[in-house]
C-alpha atoms as a PDB file:
ATOM      1  CA  MET A   1       0.000   0.000   0.000  1.00  0.00           C
ATOM      2  CA  ASN A   2       1.249   3.448  -0.864  1.00  0.00           C
ATOM      3  CA  ILE A   3       1.137   5.421   2.415  1.00  0.00           C
ATOM      4  CA  LYS A   4       1.156   8.737   0.527  1.00  0.00           C
ATOM      5  CA  LYS A   5      -2.322   7.971  -0.801  1.00  0.00           C
ATOM      6  CA  HIS A   6      -3.526   7.220   2.745  1.00  0.00           C
ATOM      7  CA  PRO A   7      -1.684   9.657   5.027  1.00  0.00           C
ATOM      8  CA  ASN A   8      -3.881   8.874   8.061  1.00  0.00           C
ATOM      9  CA  HIS A   9      -3.655   5.092   7.752  1.00  0.00           C
ATOM     10  CA  LYS A  10      -0.911   4.818  10.361  1.00  0.00           C
ATOM     11  CA  LEU A  11      -2.937   6.898  12.840  1.00  0.00           C
ATOM     12  CA  TYR A  12      -6.001   4.757  12.149  1.00  0.00           C
ATOM     13  CA  ILE A  13      -4.082   1.553  12.891  1.00  0.00           C
ATOM     14  CA  GLN A  14      -2.712   3.074  16.107  1.00  0.00           C
ATOM     15  CA  ALA A  15      -6.243   4.064  17.184  1.00  0.00           C
ATOM     16  CA  LEU A  16      -7.492   0.538  16.494  1.00  0.00           C
ATOM     17  CA  ARG A  17      -4.677  -0.967  18.554  1.00  0.00           C
ATOM     18  CA  ARG A  18      -5.621   1.212  21.523  1.00  0.00           C
ATOM     19  CA  MET A  19      -9.204  -0.106  21.425  1.00  0.00           C
ATOM     20  CA  SER A  20     -10.394  -3.090  23.367  1.00  0.00           C
ATOM     21  CA  PRO A  21     -11.568  -6.127  21.380  1.00  0.00           C
ATOM     22  CA  GLU A  22     -15.167  -5.144  22.176  1.00  0.00           C
ATOM     23  CA  GLN A  23     -14.621  -1.612  20.885  1.00  0.00           C
ATOM     24  CA  ARG A  24     -13.034  -2.931  17.674  1.00  0.00           C
ATOM     25  CA  LEU A  25     -15.966  -5.277  17.121  1.00  0.00           C
ATOM     26  CA  LEU A  26     -18.453  -2.452  17.672  1.00  0.00           C
ATOM     27  CA  LYS A  27     -16.486  -0.297  15.223  1.00  0.00           C
ATOM     28  CA  ALA A  28     -16.636  -3.126  12.658  1.00  0.00           C
ATOM     29  CA  PHE A  29     -20.426  -3.293  13.067  1.00  0.00           C
ATOM     30  CA  GLU A  30     -20.648   0.485  12.743  1.00  0.00           C
ATOM     31  CA  LEU A  31     -18.581   0.482   9.543  1.00  0.00           C
ATOM     32  CA  SER A  32     -20.605  -2.410   8.149  1.00  0.00           C
ATOM     33  CA  GLN A  33     -23.860  -0.518   8.751  1.00  0.00           C
ATOM     34  CA  PHE A  34     -22.363   2.629   7.238  1.00  0.00           C
ATOM     35  CA  SER A  35     -21.402   0.687   4.094  1.00  0.00           C
ATOM     36  CA  LYS A  36     -24.900  -0.765   3.790  1.00  0.00           C
ATOM     37  CA  ASP A  37     -26.500   2.667   4.277  1.00  0.00           C
ATOM     38  CA  LEU A  38     -24.201   4.209   1.687  1.00  0.00           C
ATOM     39  CA  PHE A  39     -25.009   1.436  -0.794  1.00  0.00           C
ATOM     40  CA  LEU A  40     -28.763   1.889  -0.227  1.00  0.00           C
ATOM     41  CA  HIS A  41     -28.411   5.641  -0.702  1.00  0.00           C
ATOM     42  CA  GLY A  42     -26.675   5.012  -4.023  1.00  0.00           C
ATOM     43  CA  LEU A  43     -29.458   2.652  -5.131  1.00  0.00           C
ATOM     44  CA  ARG A  44     -32.125   5.197  -4.195  1.00  0.00           C
ATOM     45  CA  LYS A  45     -30.287   7.872  -6.145  1.00  0.00           C
ATOM     46  CA  ARG A  46     -29.806   5.602  -9.154  1.00  0.00           C
ATOM     47  CA  PHE A  47     -33.369   4.236  -9.093  1.00  0.00           C
ATOM     48  CA  PRO A  48     -35.520   7.045  -7.634  1.00  0.00           C
ATOM     49  CA  ASP A  49     -38.781   5.438  -8.810  1.00  0.00           C
ATOM     50  CA  LEU A  50     -38.334   2.270  -6.747  1.00  0.00           C
ATOM     51  CA  SER A  51     -40.016   2.039  -3.359  1.00  0.00           C
ATOM     52  CA  ASP A  52     -38.030   1.179  -0.236  1.00  0.00           C
ATOM     53  CA  ASP A  53     -39.562  -2.314  -0.300  1.00  0.00           C
ATOM     54  CA  GLU A  54     -38.486  -2.847  -3.927  1.00  0.00           C
ATOM     55  CA  ILE A  55     -34.959  -1.691  -3.153  1.00  0.00           C
ATOM     56  CA  LYS A  56     -34.746  -4.008  -0.136  1.00  0.00           C
ATOM     57  CA  LYS A  57     -36.066  -6.931  -2.208  1.00  0.00           C
ATOM     58  CA  ASN A  58     -33.441  -6.260  -4.867  1.00  0.00           C
ATOM     59  CA  LEU A  59     -30.766  -5.935  -2.198  1.00  0.00           C
ATOM     60  CA  SER A  60     -31.659  -9.256  -0.596  1.00  0.00           C
ATOM     61  CA  GLY A  61     -32.110 -10.952  -3.970  1.00  0.00           C
ATOM     62  CA  THR A  62     -35.676 -12.026  -3.281  1.00  0.00           C
ATOM     63  CA  THR A  63     -38.554 -11.804  -5.702  1.00  0.00           C
ATOM     64  CA  GLU A  64     -42.243 -12.396  -5.294  1.00  0.00           C
END
């Protein structure tokens, strides 16, 4: 990894190392939820005519 492209990466790793295992796990859940929310936002922006239920069905891969 080129550290110049990610100047705060070292600080991020240091912050993670100072966290307890529970805190790191909670942070992982938080980042996972953030990723899902960001993805859903992108779908809503790309397909503004779809309802929330239709987007969630497409996200989960289910059809009725």
